[in-house]
Amino acid sequence: MSNTPHELAEEFPGQTDKIHALKLADPHFAGLLVQYTDINRAVHRAETRVDTLSEEAEAALRRQRLHLKDHIAHHLAHGADSHG
């Protein structure tokens, strides 16, 4: 497991199997997972000062992460037919 906070397994405890199944069944959902992971890692790198970003850029990444997390949560609640 990664030391990066906000990993999906932490954000959606008990839903790892559902995440995996949707990832295999729905390419759009799989893409959301990749985007979330990439942005989450970028936020972590900024927070730990590995990468230097302005406060505005870091805040924008956090908003993107939250937006993606909301989309992922929607898919988990409503299944593969919930694009949007």
N, C-alpha and C. Protein backbone atom coordinates (compact mmCIF):
# COMPACT_ATOMS: atom_id res chain seq x y z
N MET A 1 0.85 -1.18 0.00
CA MET A 1 0.00 0.00 0.00
C MET A 1 0.89 1.24 0.00
N SER A 2 0.45 2.25 -0.66
CA SER A 2 1.18 3.49 -0.77
C SER A 2 1.09 4.32 0.51
N ASN A 3 2.04 5.20 0.70
CA ASN A 3 1.97 6.15 1.79
C ASN A 3 1.23 7.41 1.39
N THR A 4 0.74 7.46 0.17
CA THR A 4 0.02 8.62 -0.33
C THR A 4 -1.37 8.66 0.29
N PRO A 5 -1.71 9.76 1.00
CA PRO A 5 -3.06 9.88 1.56
C PRO A 5 -4.12 9.95 0.46
N HIS A 6 -5.33 9.65 0.82
CA HIS A 6 -6.50 9.73 -0.06
C HIS A 6 -6.52 8.69 -1.17
N GLU A 7 -5.83 7.58 -0.97
CA GLU A 7 -5.92 6.49 -1.94
C GLU A 7 -7.37 5.99 -1.96
N LEU A 8 -7.81 5.46 -3.08
CA LEU A 8 -9.21 5.07 -3.23
C LEU A 8 -9.64 4.01 -2.22
N ALA A 9 -8.76 3.10 -1.85
CA ALA A 9 -9.11 2.08 -0.86
C ALA A 9 -9.43 2.72 0.49
N GLU A 10 -8.79 3.84 0.80
CA GLU A 10 -9.08 4.57 2.04
C GLU A 10 -10.35 5.40 1.90
N GLU A 11 -10.53 5.98 0.73
CA GLU A 11 -11.68 6.85 0.50
C GLU A 11 -13.00 6.08 0.41
N PHE A 12 -12.92 4.85 -0.07
CA PHE A 12 -14.11 4.01 -0.23
C PHE A 12 -13.87 2.66 0.43
N PRO A 13 -13.76 2.65 1.76
CA PRO A 13 -13.48 1.38 2.46
C PRO A 13 -14.60 0.37 2.23
N GLY A 14 -14.20 -0.87 2.05
CA GLY A 14 -15.17 -1.94 1.85
C GLY A 14 -15.71 -2.03 0.43
N GLN A 15 -15.23 -1.17 -0.46
CA GLN A 15 -15.74 -1.19 -1.83
C GLN A 15 -14.67 -1.57 -2.85
N THR A 16 -13.59 -2.13 -2.38
CA THR A 16 -12.49 -2.49 -3.27
C THR A 16 -12.93 -3.46 -4.36
N ASP A 17 -13.73 -4.45 -4.00
CA ASP A 17 -14.20 -5.42 -5.00
C ASP A 17 -15.09 -4.75 -6.04
N LYS A 18 -15.96 -3.86 -5.60
CA LYS A 18 -16.85 -3.17 -6.52
C LYS A 18 -16.05 -2.24 -7.44
N ILE A 19 -15.06 -1.57 -6.89
CA ILE A 19 -14.20 -0.70 -7.70
C ILE A 19 -13.51 -1.54 -8.77
N HIS A 20 -12.97 -2.69 -8.38
CA HIS A 20 -12.28 -3.55 -9.33
C HIS A 20 -13.23 -4.04 -10.42
N ALA A 21 -14.42 -4.47 -10.03
CA ALA A 21 -15.39 -4.98 -11.01
C ALA A 21 -15.80 -3.88 -12.00
N LEU A 22 -16.08 -2.68 -11.49
CA LEU A 22 -16.46 -1.59 -12.37
C LEU A 22 -15.31 -1.17 -13.28
N LYS A 23 -14.11 -1.23 -12.75
CA LYS A 23 -12.93 -0.90 -13.54
C LYS A 23 -12.82 -1.82 -14.75
N LEU A 24 -13.09 -3.10 -14.54
CA LEU A 24 -13.02 -4.08 -15.63
C LEU A 24 -14.18 -3.94 -16.61
N ALA A 25 -15.35 -3.57 -16.10
CA ALA A 25 -16.55 -3.54 -16.93
C ALA A 25 -16.77 -2.21 -17.65
N ASP A 26 -16.18 -1.13 -17.16
CA ASP A 26 -16.52 0.20 -17.66
C ASP A 26 -15.25 1.01 -17.95
N PRO A 27 -14.91 1.17 -19.21
CA PRO A 27 -13.70 1.93 -19.55
C PRO A 27 -13.72 3.38 -19.03
N HIS A 28 -14.90 4.00 -19.03
CA HIS A 28 -15.00 5.37 -18.51
C HIS A 28 -14.63 5.40 -17.03
N PHE A 29 -15.15 4.46 -16.25
CA PHE A 29 -14.83 4.38 -14.83
C PHE A 29 -13.34 4.12 -14.64
N ALA A 30 -12.78 3.24 -15.44
CA ALA A 30 -11.34 2.95 -15.35
C ALA A 30 -10.53 4.22 -15.59
N GLY A 31 -10.97 5.03 -16.53
CA GLY A 31 -10.30 6.30 -16.81
C GLY A 31 -10.38 7.27 -15.63
N LEU A 32 -11.54 7.29 -14.98
CA LEU A 32 -11.70 8.13 -13.79
C LEU A 32 -10.69 7.72 -12.71
N LEU A 33 -10.50 6.41 -12.55
CA LEU A 33 -9.57 5.91 -11.54
C LEU A 33 -8.14 6.36 -11.85
N VAL A 34 -7.76 6.29 -13.11
CA VAL A 34 -6.41 6.71 -13.51
C VAL A 34 -6.23 8.20 -13.25
N GLN A 35 -7.23 8.99 -13.65
CA GLN A 35 -7.16 10.44 -13.42
C GLN A 35 -7.06 10.75 -11.93
N TYR A 36 -7.89 10.10 -11.13
CA TYR A 36 -7.89 10.33 -9.68
C TYR A 36 -6.50 10.01 -9.11
N THR A 37 -5.96 8.86 -9.48
CA THR A 37 -4.66 8.44 -8.95
C THR A 37 -3.58 9.45 -9.34
N ASP A 38 -3.58 9.88 -10.60
CA ASP A 38 -2.57 10.83 -11.06
C ASP A 38 -2.68 12.15 -10.30
N ILE A 39 -3.88 12.68 -10.17
CA ILE A 39 -4.07 13.96 -9.48
C ILE A 39 -3.80 13.82 -7.99
N ASN A 40 -4.23 12.72 -7.40
CA ASN A 40 -3.97 12.52 -5.98
C ASN A 40 -2.47 12.49 -5.70
N ARG A 41 -1.73 11.83 -6.55
CA ARG A 41 -0.28 11.78 -6.35
C ARG A 41 0.35 13.16 -6.55
N ALA A 42 -0.18 13.93 -7.51
CA ALA A 42 0.33 15.29 -7.72
C ALA A 42 0.05 16.16 -6.49
N VAL A 43 -1.13 16.01 -5.89
CA VAL A 43 -1.45 16.76 -4.67
C VAL A 43 -0.48 16.36 -3.56
N HIS A 44 -0.26 15.08 -3.40
CA HIS A 44 0.64 14.60 -2.35
C HIS A 44 2.06 15.15 -2.57
N ARG A 45 2.51 15.14 -3.81
CA ARG A 45 3.86 15.66 -4.10
C ARG A 45 3.94 17.16 -3.78
N ALA A 46 2.87 17.89 -4.05
CA ALA A 46 2.85 19.32 -3.73
C ALA A 46 2.81 19.53 -2.22
N GLU A 47 1.98 18.75 -1.53
CA GLU A 47 1.86 18.89 -0.08
C GLU A 47 3.15 18.55 0.66
N THR A 48 3.91 17.61 0.13
CA THR A 48 5.17 17.21 0.76
C THR A 48 6.36 17.99 0.21
N ARG A 49 6.06 18.97 -0.65
CA ARG A 49 7.05 19.87 -1.23
C ARG A 49 8.08 19.17 -2.11
N VAL A 50 7.71 18.00 -2.63
CA VAL A 50 8.55 17.36 -3.65
C VAL A 50 8.47 18.21 -4.93
N ASP A 51 7.26 18.67 -5.23
CA ASP A 51 7.04 19.60 -6.35
C ASP A 51 6.57 20.93 -5.77
N THR A 52 7.08 22.00 -6.31
CA THR A 52 6.69 23.32 -5.83
C THR A 52 5.59 23.88 -6.73
N LEU A 53 4.44 24.13 -6.13
CA LEU A 53 3.31 24.72 -6.85
C LEU A 53 2.83 25.94 -6.09
N SER A 54 2.19 26.84 -6.80
CA SER A 54 1.56 27.97 -6.13
C SER A 54 0.38 27.45 -5.31
N GLU A 55 -0.04 28.25 -4.34
CA GLU A 55 -1.21 27.86 -3.55
C GLU A 55 -2.43 27.67 -4.44
N GLU A 56 -2.57 28.51 -5.45
CA GLU A 56 -3.70 28.43 -6.36
C GLU A 56 -3.68 27.12 -7.16
N ALA A 57 -2.49 26.75 -7.64
CA ALA A 57 -2.36 25.51 -8.41
C ALA A 57 -2.64 24.29 -7.53
N GLU A 58 -2.14 24.32 -6.31
CA GLU A 58 -2.38 23.21 -5.39
C GLU A 58 -3.87 23.11 -5.05
N ALA A 59 -4.51 24.24 -4.83
CA ALA A 59 -5.95 24.25 -4.54
C ALA A 59 -6.74 23.74 -5.74
N ALA A 60 -6.31 24.10 -6.94
CA ALA A 60 -6.99 23.62 -8.15
C ALA A 60 -6.89 22.10 -8.26
N LEU A 61 -5.72 21.56 -7.94
CA LEU A 61 -5.56 20.09 -7.96
C LEU A 61 -6.48 19.44 -6.93
N ARG A 62 -6.59 20.03 -5.75
CA ARG A 62 -7.48 19.47 -4.73
C ARG A 62 -8.94 19.48 -5.20
N ARG A 63 -9.34 20.57 -5.89
CA ARG A 63 -10.71 20.64 -6.41
C ARG A 63 -10.93 19.56 -7.48
N GLN A 64 -9.93 19.36 -8.34
CA GLN A 64 -10.04 18.32 -9.36
C GLN A 64 -10.17 16.94 -8.70
N ARG A 65 -9.37 16.71 -7.67
CA ARG A 65 -9.43 15.42 -6.96
C ARG A 65 -10.81 15.22 -6.36
N LEU A 66 -11.36 16.24 -5.74
CA LEU A 66 -12.69 16.13 -5.14
C LEU A 66 -13.75 15.87 -6.20
N HIS A 67 -13.65 16.56 -7.33
CA HIS A 67 -14.59 16.37 -8.43
C HIS A 67 -14.55 14.92 -8.93
N LEU A 68 -13.35 14.40 -9.11
CA LEU A 68 -13.21 13.01 -9.56
C LEU A 68 -13.73 12.04 -8.51
N LYS A 69 -13.45 12.31 -7.24
CA LYS A 69 -13.94 11.45 -6.17
C LYS A 69 -15.48 11.42 -6.18
N ASP A 70 -16.10 12.57 -6.41
CA ASP A 70 -17.56 12.62 -6.50
C ASP A 70 -18.08 11.77 -7.66
N HIS A 71 -17.41 11.85 -8.81
CA HIS A 71 -17.81 11.02 -9.96
C HIS A 71 -17.65 9.53 -9.65
N ILE A 72 -16.55 9.18 -9.02
CA ILE A 72 -16.32 7.78 -8.66
C ILE A 72 -17.39 7.31 -7.68
N ALA A 73 -17.71 8.12 -6.69
CA ALA A 73 -18.75 7.77 -5.72
C ALA A 73 -20.10 7.58 -6.42
N HIS A 74 -20.39 8.43 -7.39
CA HIS A 74 -21.65 8.31 -8.15
C HIS A 74 -21.70 6.98 -8.90
N HIS A 75 -20.61 6.63 -9.54
CA HIS A 75 -20.55 5.35 -10.26
C HIS A 75 -20.71 4.18 -9.29
N LEU A 76 -20.08 4.27 -8.14
CA LEU A 76 -20.20 3.18 -7.16
C LEU A 76 -21.64 3.05 -6.66
N ALA A 77 -22.33 4.15 -6.55
CA ALA A 77 -23.71 4.13 -6.06
C ALA A 77 -24.70 3.69 -7.14
N HIS A 78 -24.39 4.03 -8.40
CA HIS A 78 -25.38 3.82 -9.46
C HIS A 78 -24.96 2.87 -10.55
N GLY A 79 -23.74 2.34 -10.50
CA GLY A 79 -23.32 1.34 -11.48
C GLY A 79 -22.76 1.92 -12.74
N ALA A 80 -22.46 1.04 -13.68
CA ALA A 80 -21.75 1.39 -14.91
C ALA A 80 -22.56 2.27 -15.85
N ASP A 81 -23.88 2.35 -15.67
CA ASP A 81 -24.72 3.14 -16.57
C ASP A 81 -24.88 4.58 -16.09
N SER A 82 -23.94 5.06 -15.27
CA SER A 82 -24.11 6.39 -14.66
C SER A 82 -23.10 7.41 -15.18
N HIS A 83 -22.79 7.36 -16.47
CA HIS A 83 -21.85 8.33 -17.03
C HIS A 83 -22.46 9.72 -16.93
N GLY A 84 -21.56 10.70 -16.67
CA GLY A 84 -22.08 12.05 -16.65
C GLY A 84 -21.31 13.01 -15.88
